[in-house]
Amino acid sequence: MTDQASAALEARHLKKIYRMGDVSVTALDDVDIDLFQGELVVLLGPSGSGKSTLLNILGGLDQPTSGEVRFRDHDLTRANDRFLTNYRRDHVGFVFQFYNLIPSLTARENVALVTEIARNPMRPEEALALVGLAERQNHFPAQLSGGEQQRVAIARAIAKRPDLLLCDEPTGALDSKTGVLVLDAILRINRELGTTTALITHNAGIADVADRVVLFADGRIVETRVNKVRRSTAELTW
């Protein structure tokens, strides 16, 4: 994971400062990070350490105060709104802590919202099968458990076959047993589709399933470690 040619996304000297009147808060302070093709990276650290800010910038949802993010030789920090919209639509799948499903639509219909606008999508049924919900596709969100709703959100994110899957605390609102099912779905996507995946968590127990773990504190990367062997979710201690 040191070959520059294999980098799916490269970020250099990222700084993000939020200003509210005379008060300024530094969320990111000179952060360098690469995401490599097909790897799973866990971003670990306490709340407020800069993880979500970083993910939002990498996903084209926010812009840094300074620094550079490159995707396939395109500088996202200098891109216009149209380019960023296409980048998010065609190349990035997002999974958040809260599911953001439309209550009046079935699981299949929620996923179809994405497949109808994607360039080369998989069928909604195929995406739901990948996350273990083939038999629940005609159920409405209110008929699904929290873990099932999160897996619908994952299916929606990966149905467009994104290059990058960015997950912000995807198990944060779930109990450990349900969280394992959701994490298993993310690991399966990474393994079977080769989707470059970055996953934010404050749960250190999750880190062992990753190829690489990046630890954050006070807006900086304070440590990076590589797992020589990725553990299965059955081996995790939550």
C-alpha atoms as a PDB file:
ATOM      1  CA  MET A   1       0.000   0.000   0.000  1.00  0.00           C
ATOM      2  CA  THR A   2       2.868   2.337  -0.764  1.00  0.00           C
ATOM      3  CA  ASP A   3       2.597   2.368  -4.562  1.00  0.00           C
ATOM      4  CA  GLN A   4       1.359   5.805  -5.595  1.00  0.00           C
ATOM      5  CA  ALA A   5      -0.197   4.299  -8.729  1.00  0.00           C
ATOM      6  CA  SER A   6      -2.633   2.370  -6.546  1.00  0.00           C
ATOM      7  CA  ALA A   7      -3.940   5.409  -4.693  1.00  0.00           C
ATOM      8  CA  ALA A   8      -7.674   5.909  -5.266  1.00  0.00           C
ATOM      9  CA  LEU A   9      -7.673   9.263  -3.486  1.00  0.00           C
ATOM     10  CA  GLU A  10      -4.847  11.492  -2.273  1.00  0.00           C
ATOM     11  CA  ALA A  11      -5.091  14.366   0.211  1.00  0.00           C
ATOM     12  CA  ARG A  12      -2.254  16.710   1.128  1.00  0.00           C
ATOM     13  CA  HIS A  13      -1.885  19.378   3.811  1.00  0.00           C
ATOM     14  CA  LEU A  14      -5.608  19.568   4.546  1.00  0.00           C
ATOM     15  CA  LYS A  15      -6.630  22.301   6.925  1.00  0.00           C
ATOM     16  CA  LYS A  16     -10.186  23.149   7.862  1.00  0.00           C
ATOM     17  CA  ILE A  17     -11.001  26.142  10.047  1.00  0.00           C
ATOM     18  CA  TYR A  18     -14.557  27.012  11.055  1.00  0.00           C
ATOM     19  CA  ARG A  19     -15.110  30.661  11.918  1.00  0.00           C
ATOM     20  CA  MET A  20     -18.013  31.983  13.963  1.00  0.00           C
ATOM     21  CA  GLY A  21     -17.572  35.712  14.479  1.00  0.00           C
ATOM     22  CA  ASP A  22     -14.309  36.222  16.296  1.00  0.00           C
ATOM     23  CA  VAL A  23     -14.041  32.549  17.229  1.00  0.00           C
ATOM     24  CA  SER A  24     -12.185  30.071  15.014  1.00  0.00           C
ATOM     25  CA  VAL A  25     -12.034  26.308  15.459  1.00  0.00           C
ATOM     26  CA  THR A  26      -9.439  24.190  13.645  1.00  0.00           C
ATOM     27  CA  ALA A  27     -11.088  20.896  12.705  1.00  0.00           C
ATOM     28  CA  LEU A  28      -8.218  19.629  10.532  1.00  0.00           C
ATOM     29  CA  ASP A  29      -4.608  20.671  10.936  1.00  0.00           C
ATOM     30  CA  ASP A  30      -2.230  19.718   8.078  1.00  0.00           C
ATOM     31  CA  VAL A  31      -3.583  16.237   7.350  1.00  0.00           C
ATOM     32  CA  ASP A  32      -2.044  13.989   4.681  1.00  0.00           C
ATOM     33  CA  ILE A  33      -3.810  10.752   3.779  1.00  0.00           C
ATOM     34  CA  ASP A  34      -4.158   8.337   0.864  1.00  0.00           C
ATOM     35  CA  LEU A  35      -6.917   5.816   0.261  1.00  0.00           C
ATOM     36  CA  PHE A  36      -5.633   2.899  -1.795  1.00  0.00           C
ATOM     37  CA  GLN A  37      -7.550   0.859  -4.334  1.00  0.00           C
ATOM     38  CA  GLY A  38      -9.658  -1.843  -2.716  1.00  0.00           C
ATOM     39  CA  GLU A  39      -8.485  -1.309   0.857  1.00  0.00           C
ATOM     40  CA  LEU A  40     -10.585  -0.825   3.968  1.00  0.00           C
ATOM     41  CA  VAL A  41      -9.392   1.946   6.271  1.00  0.00           C
ATOM     42  CA  VAL A  42     -10.771   2.585   9.746  1.00  0.00           C
ATOM     43  CA  LEU A  43     -10.538   6.182  10.968  1.00  0.00           C
ATOM     44  CA  LEU A  44     -10.431   5.982  14.742  1.00  0.00           C
ATOM     45  CA  GLY A  45     -10.590   8.699  17.362  1.00  0.00           C
ATOM     46  CA  PRO A  46     -12.788  10.577  19.830  1.00  0.00           C
ATOM     47  CA  SER A  47     -15.646  12.872  18.862  1.00  0.00           C
ATOM     48  CA  GLY A  48     -14.379  16.214  17.605  1.00  0.00           C
ATOM     49  CA  SER A  49     -11.019  14.874  16.425  1.00  0.00           C
ATOM     50  CA  GLY A  50     -11.657  15.712  12.755  1.00  0.00           C
ATOM     51  CA  LYS A  51     -12.742  12.372  11.306  1.00  0.00           C
ATOM     52  CA  SER A  52     -16.119  13.471   9.935  1.00  0.00           C
ATOM     53  CA  THR A  53     -14.713  16.729   8.596  1.00  0.00           C
ATOM     54  CA  LEU A  54     -12.101  14.741   6.688  1.00  0.00           C
ATOM     55  CA  LEU A  55     -14.664  12.324   5.268  1.00  0.00           C
ATOM     56  CA  ASN A  56     -16.908  15.191   4.138  1.00  0.00           C
ATOM     57  CA  ILE A  57     -13.987  16.784   2.301  1.00  0.00           C
ATOM     58  CA  LEU A  58     -12.892  13.505   0.683  1.00  0.00           C
ATOM     59  CA  GLY A  59     -16.480  12.897  -0.420  1.00  0.00           C
ATOM     60  CA  GLY A  60     -16.880  16.336  -1.984  1.00  0.00           C
ATOM     61  CA  LEU A  61     -19.462  17.500   0.557  1.00  0.00           C
ATOM     62  CA  ASP A  62     -17.205  20.221   1.969  1.00  0.00           C
ATOM     63  CA  GLN A  63     -14.129  22.166   0.957  1.00  0.00           C
ATOM     64  CA  PRO A  64     -10.956  22.572   3.020  1.00  0.00           C
ATOM     65  CA  THR A  65      -9.662  25.968   4.067  1.00  0.00           C
ATOM     66  CA  SER A  66      -6.403  24.962   2.403  1.00  0.00           C
ATOM     67  CA  GLY A  67      -4.773  21.855   0.994  1.00  0.00           C
ATOM     68  CA  GLU A  68      -5.511  19.552  -1.927  1.00  0.00           C
ATOM     69  CA  VAL A  69      -7.573  16.433  -2.630  1.00  0.00           C
ATOM     70  CA  ARG A  70      -6.952  14.544  -5.860  1.00  0.00           C
ATOM     71  CA  PHE A  71      -9.139  11.870  -7.433  1.00  0.00           C
ATOM     72  CA  ARG A  72      -7.849  10.374 -10.684  1.00  0.00           C
ATOM     73  CA  ASP A  73      -5.666  13.424 -11.343  1.00  0.00           C
ATOM     74  CA  HIS A  74      -8.568  15.808 -10.690  1.00  0.00           C
ATOM     75  CA  ASP A  75      -8.104  18.395  -7.962  1.00  0.00           C
ATOM     76  CA  LEU A  76     -11.395  18.351  -6.049  1.00  0.00           C
ATOM     77  CA  THR A  77     -10.487  21.461  -4.082  1.00  0.00           C
ATOM     78  CA  ARG A  78     -10.493  23.533  -7.272  1.00  0.00           C
ATOM     79  CA  ALA A  79     -13.442  21.832  -8.957  1.00  0.00           C
ATOM     80  CA  ASN A  80     -16.708  23.635  -9.676  1.00  0.00           C
ATOM     81  CA  ASP A  81     -20.085  22.635  -8.259  1.00  0.00           C
ATOM     82  CA  ARG A  82     -21.071  20.672 -11.365  1.00  0.00           C
ATOM     83  CA  PHE A  83     -17.927  18.549 -11.250  1.00  0.00           C
ATOM     84  CA  LEU A  84     -18.393  17.865  -7.523  1.00  0.00           C
ATOM     85  CA  THR A  85     -22.030  16.894  -8.075  1.00  0.00           C
ATOM     86  CA  ASN A  86     -20.971  14.396 -10.739  1.00  0.00           C
ATOM     87  CA  TYR A  87     -18.154  13.143  -8.515  1.00  0.00           C
ATOM     88  CA  ARG A  88     -20.566  12.443  -5.650  1.00  0.00           C
ATOM     89  CA  ARG A  89     -23.164  10.901  -7.953  1.00  0.00           C
ATOM     90  CA  ASP A  90     -20.872   8.664  -9.981  1.00  0.00           C
ATOM     91  CA  HIS A  91     -17.954   7.802  -7.717  1.00  0.00           C
ATOM     92  CA  VAL A  92     -18.869   8.074  -4.019  1.00  0.00           C
ATOM     93  CA  GLY A  93     -21.275   6.141  -1.825  1.00  0.00           C
ATOM     94  CA  PHE A  94     -22.109   7.583   1.592  1.00  0.00           C
ATOM     95  CA  VAL A  95     -23.347   5.735   4.684  1.00  0.00           C
ATOM     96  CA  PHE A  96     -24.152   7.775   7.784  1.00  0.00           C
ATOM     97  CA  GLN A  97     -25.094   6.937  11.349  1.00  0.00           C
ATOM     98  CA  PHE A  98     -28.748   7.699  10.598  1.00  0.00           C
ATOM     99  CA  TYR A  99     -30.352   5.881   7.725  1.00  0.00           C
ATOM    100  CA  ASN A 100     -32.211   8.718   5.931  1.00  0.00           C
ATOM    101  CA  LEU A 101     -34.638   6.350   4.238  1.00  0.00           C
ATOM    102  CA  ILE A 102     -37.901   7.633   2.767  1.00  0.00           C
ATOM    103  CA  PRO A 103     -40.657   6.129   4.960  1.00  0.00           C
ATOM    104  CA  SER A 104     -43.251   5.884   2.172  1.00  0.00           C
ATOM    105  CA  LEU A 105     -40.975   3.808  -0.074  1.00  0.00           C
ATOM    106  CA  THR A 106     -40.078   0.131   0.223  1.00  0.00           C
ATOM    107  CA  ALA A 107     -36.499  -1.009   0.656  1.00  0.00           C
ATOM    108  CA  ARG A 108     -36.255  -1.726  -3.071  1.00  0.00           C
ATOM    109  CA  GLU A 109     -37.727   1.664  -3.966  1.00  0.00           C
ATOM    110  CA  ASN A 110     -35.307   3.461  -1.625  1.00  0.00           C
ATOM    111  CA  VAL A 111     -32.397   1.799  -3.417  1.00  0.00           C
ATOM    112  CA  ALA A 112     -33.948   2.468  -6.836  1.00  0.00           C
ATOM    113  CA  LEU A 113     -33.772   6.205  -6.158  1.00  0.00           C
ATOM    114  CA  VAL A 114     -30.021   5.903  -6.725  1.00  0.00           C
ATOM    115  CA  THR A 115     -30.024   3.349  -9.529  1.00  0.00           C
ATOM    116  CA  GLU A 116     -32.325   5.533 -11.631  1.00  0.00           C
ATOM    117  CA  ILE A 117     -29.691   8.297 -11.842  1.00  0.00           C
ATOM    118  CA  ALA A 118     -26.461   6.258 -11.812  1.00  0.00           C
ATOM    119  CA  ARG A 119     -24.417   5.575 -14.943  1.00  0.00           C
ATOM    120  CA  ASN A 120     -23.823   1.847 -14.474  1.00  0.00           C
ATOM    121  CA  PRO A 121     -25.919   0.654 -11.540  1.00  0.00           C
ATOM    122  CA  MET A 122     -26.668  -2.810 -10.306  1.00  0.00           C
ATOM    123  CA  ARG A 123     -30.302  -3.769  -9.919  1.00  0.00           C
ATOM    124  CA  PRO A 124     -31.821  -2.764  -6.541  1.00  0.00           C
ATOM    125  CA  GLU A 125     -32.577  -6.424  -5.879  1.00  0.00           C
ATOM    126  CA  GLU A 126     -28.932  -7.313  -6.430  1.00  0.00           C
ATOM    127  CA  ALA A 127     -27.721  -4.600  -4.062  1.00  0.00           C
ATOM    128  CA  LEU A 128     -30.152  -5.706  -1.351  1.00  0.00           C
ATOM    129  CA  ALA A 129     -29.080  -9.330  -1.774  1.00  0.00           C
ATOM    130  CA  LEU A 130     -25.450  -8.289  -1.210  1.00  0.00           C
ATOM    131  CA  VAL A 131     -26.381  -6.948   2.231  1.00  0.00           C
ATOM    132  CA  GLY A 132     -28.542  -9.953   3.108  1.00  0.00           C
ATOM    133  CA  LEU A 133     -31.965  -8.404   2.535  1.00  0.00           C
ATOM    134  CA  ALA A 134     -33.223 -10.249  -0.541  1.00  0.00           C
ATOM    135  CA  GLU A 135     -36.320 -11.352   1.354  1.00  0.00           C
ATOM    136  CA  ARG A 136     -37.075  -7.895   2.775  1.00  0.00           C
ATOM    137  CA  GLN A 137     -37.026  -5.768  -0.367  1.00  0.00           C
ATOM    138  CA  ASN A 138     -40.774  -5.066  -0.358  1.00  0.00           C
ATOM    139  CA  HIS A 139     -40.885  -3.978   3.279  1.00  0.00           C
ATOM    140  CA  PHE A 140     -41.191  -0.339   4.339  1.00  0.00           C
ATOM    141  CA  PRO A 141     -38.644   1.181   6.741  1.00  0.00           C
ATOM    142  CA  ALA A 142     -41.106   1.021   9.634  1.00  0.00           C
ATOM    143  CA  GLN A 143     -41.294  -2.744   9.111  1.00  0.00           C
ATOM    144  CA  LEU A 144     -37.510  -3.146   9.364  1.00  0.00           C
ATOM    145  CA  SER A 145     -35.214  -3.205  12.381  1.00  0.00           C
ATOM    146  CA  GLY A 146     -32.539  -0.541  12.837  1.00  0.00           C
ATOM    147  CA  GLY A 147     -29.860  -2.854  11.509  1.00  0.00           C
ATOM    148  CA  GLU A 148     -31.963  -3.762   8.485  1.00  0.00           C
ATOM    149  CA  GLN A 149     -32.595  -0.095   7.735  1.00  0.00           C
ATOM    150  CA  GLN A 150     -28.860   0.582   7.902  1.00  0.00           C
ATOM    151  CA  ARG A 151     -28.227  -2.283   5.506  1.00  0.00           C
ATOM    152  CA  VAL A 152     -30.782  -0.766   3.104  1.00  0.00           C
ATOM    153  CA  ALA A 153     -28.778   2.462   3.353  1.00  0.00           C
ATOM    154  CA  ILE A 154     -25.606   0.507   2.499  1.00  0.00           C
ATOM    155  CA  ALA A 155     -27.353  -1.140  -0.461  1.00  0.00           C
ATOM    156  CA  ARG A 156     -28.450   2.289  -1.659  1.00  0.00           C
ATOM    157  CA  ALA A 157     -24.864   3.562  -1.366  1.00  0.00           C
ATOM    158  CA  ILE A 158     -23.266   0.696  -3.282  1.00  0.00           C
ATOM    159  CA  ALA A 159     -25.967   0.160  -5.923  1.00  0.00           C
ATOM    160  CA  LYS A 160     -24.315   2.724  -8.201  1.00  0.00           C
ATOM    161  CA  ARG A 161     -21.026   0.770  -8.009  1.00  0.00           C
ATOM    162  CA  PRO A 162     -19.027   3.610  -6.434  1.00  0.00           C
ATOM    163  CA  ASP A 163     -15.252   3.738  -6.421  1.00  0.00           C
ATOM    164  CA  LEU A 164     -15.326   4.959  -2.814  1.00  0.00           C
ATOM    165  CA  LEU A 165     -17.578   3.961   0.076  1.00  0.00           C
ATOM    166  CA  LEU A 166     -17.410   6.473   2.936  1.00  0.00           C
ATOM    167  CA  CYS A 167     -19.061   5.381   6.187  1.00  0.00           C
ATOM    168  CA  ASP A 168     -19.502   7.764   9.121  1.00  0.00           C
ATOM    169  CA  GLU A 169     -20.258   5.835  12.333  1.00  0.00           C
ATOM    170  CA  PRO A 170     -22.464   3.288  10.503  1.00  0.00           C
ATOM    171  CA  THR A 171     -22.826   1.162  13.660  1.00  0.00           C
ATOM    172  CA  GLY A 172     -22.978   4.059  16.123  1.00  0.00           C
ATOM    173  CA  ALA A 173     -26.737   3.876  16.737  1.00  0.00           C
ATOM    174  CA  LEU A 174     -26.862   0.071  16.931  1.00  0.00           C
ATOM    175  CA  ASP A 175     -26.297  -2.545  19.614  1.00  0.00           C
ATOM    176  CA  SER A 176     -23.255  -4.768  19.218  1.00  0.00           C
ATOM    177  CA  LYS A 177     -25.087  -7.772  17.724  1.00  0.00           C
ATOM    178  CA  THR A 178     -26.838  -5.634  15.114  1.00  0.00           C
ATOM    179  CA  GLY A 179     -23.651  -3.659  14.513  1.00  0.00           C
ATOM    180  CA  VAL A 180     -21.828  -6.864  13.574  1.00  0.00           C
ATOM    181  CA  LEU A 181     -24.424  -7.581  10.867  1.00  0.00           C
ATOM    182  CA  VAL A 182     -23.997  -4.092   9.433  1.00  0.00           C
ATOM    183  CA  LEU A 183     -20.213  -4.349   9.584  1.00  0.00           C
ATOM    184  CA  ASP A 184     -20.359  -7.747   7.877  1.00  0.00           C
ATOM    185  CA  ALA A 185     -22.298  -6.134   5.018  1.00  0.00           C
ATOM    186  CA  ILE A 186     -19.640  -3.423   4.607  1.00  0.00           C
ATOM    187  CA  LEU A 187     -16.836  -5.990   4.685  1.00  0.00           C
ATOM    188  CA  ARG A 188     -18.603  -8.094   2.056  1.00  0.00           C
ATOM    189  CA  ILE A 189     -18.927  -5.085  -0.262  1.00  0.00           C
ATOM    190  CA  ASN A 190     -15.244  -4.278   0.186  1.00  0.00           C
ATOM    191  CA  ARG A 191     -14.199  -7.888  -0.381  1.00  0.00           C
ATOM    192  CA  GLU A 192     -16.496  -8.868  -3.271  1.00  0.00           C
ATOM    193  CA  LEU A 193     -16.701  -5.585  -5.202  1.00  0.00           C
ATOM    194  CA  GLY A 194     -13.236  -4.269  -4.353  1.00  0.00           C
ATOM    195  CA  THR A 195     -14.724  -0.956  -3.252  1.00  0.00           C
ATOM    196  CA  THR A 196     -12.222   1.343  -1.534  1.00  0.00           C
ATOM    197  CA  THR A 197     -13.783   1.883   1.892  1.00  0.00           C
ATOM    198  CA  ALA A 198     -13.173   4.352   4.706  1.00  0.00           C
ATOM    199  CA  LEU A 199     -15.076   3.796   7.928  1.00  0.00           C
ATOM    200  CA  ILE A 200     -15.251   6.226  10.853  1.00  0.00           C
ATOM    201  CA  THR A 201     -15.745   4.881  14.349  1.00  0.00           C
ATOM    202  CA  HIS A 202     -14.915   5.719  17.939  1.00  0.00           C
ATOM    203  CA  ASN A 203     -15.079   1.986  18.744  1.00  0.00           C
ATOM    204  CA  ALA A 204     -11.501   0.709  18.883  1.00  0.00           C
ATOM    205  CA  GLY A 205     -12.764  -2.887  18.741  1.00  0.00           C
ATOM    206  CA  ILE A 206     -13.731  -2.473  15.097  1.00  0.00           C
ATOM    207  CA  ALA A 207     -10.210  -1.520  14.008  1.00  0.00           C
ATOM    208  CA  ASP A 208      -8.957  -5.091  13.590  1.00  0.00           C
ATOM    209  CA  VAL A 209     -11.187  -5.756  10.562  1.00  0.00           C
ATOM    210  CA  ALA A 210      -9.357  -3.085   8.530  1.00  0.00           C
ATOM    211  CA  ASP A 211      -6.304  -3.213   6.300  1.00  0.00           C
ATOM    212  CA  ARG A 212      -5.126   0.023   7.881  1.00  0.00           C
ATOM    213  CA  VAL A 213      -6.058   2.039  10.970  1.00  0.00           C
ATOM    214  CA  VAL A 214      -5.623   5.819  11.121  1.00  0.00           C
ATOM    215  CA  LEU A 215      -5.840   7.390  14.570  1.00  0.00           C
ATOM    216  CA  PHE A 216      -6.985  11.002  14.961  1.00  0.00           C
ATOM    217  CA  ALA A 217      -6.668  13.492  17.810  1.00  0.00           C
ATOM    218  CA  ASP A 218      -7.191  17.264  17.804  1.00  0.00           C
ATOM    219  CA  GLY A 219      -7.512  17.500  14.033  1.00  0.00           C
ATOM    220  CA  ARG A 220      -4.321  15.582  13.298  1.00  0.00           C
ATOM    221  CA  ILE A 221      -3.310  12.062  12.367  1.00  0.00           C
ATOM    222  CA  VAL A 222      -1.307  10.872  15.344  1.00  0.00           C
ATOM    223  CA  GLU A 223      -0.680   7.261  14.318  1.00  0.00           C
ATOM    224  CA  THR A 224      -1.146   4.916  11.370  1.00  0.00           C
ATOM    225  CA  ARG A 225      -0.847   1.181  11.613  1.00  0.00           C
ATOM    226  CA  VAL A 226      -1.250  -1.664   9.152  1.00  0.00           C
ATOM    227  CA  ASN A 227      -2.990  -4.884  10.141  1.00  0.00           C
ATOM    228  CA  LYS A 228      -1.016  -7.792   8.724  1.00  0.00           C
ATOM    229  CA  VAL A 229      -4.107  -9.965   9.143  1.00  0.00           C
ATOM    230  CA  ARG A 230      -7.668  -8.701   8.979  1.00  0.00           C
ATOM    231  CA  ARG A 231      -9.796 -10.298  11.677  1.00  0.00           C
ATOM    232  CA  SER A 232     -13.371 -11.385  11.109  1.00  0.00           C
ATOM    233  CA  THR A 233     -16.263  -9.792  12.963  1.00  0.00           C
ATOM    234  CA  ALA A 234     -16.682 -13.011  14.938  1.00  0.00           C
ATOM    235  CA  GLU A 235     -13.317 -12.290  16.583  1.00  0.00           C
ATOM    236  CA  LEU A 236     -14.093  -8.701  17.593  1.00  0.00           C
ATOM    237  CA  THR A 237     -14.503  -7.433  21.126  1.00  0.00           C
ATOM    238  CA  TRP A 238     -17.026  -4.610  21.241  1.00  0.00           C
END
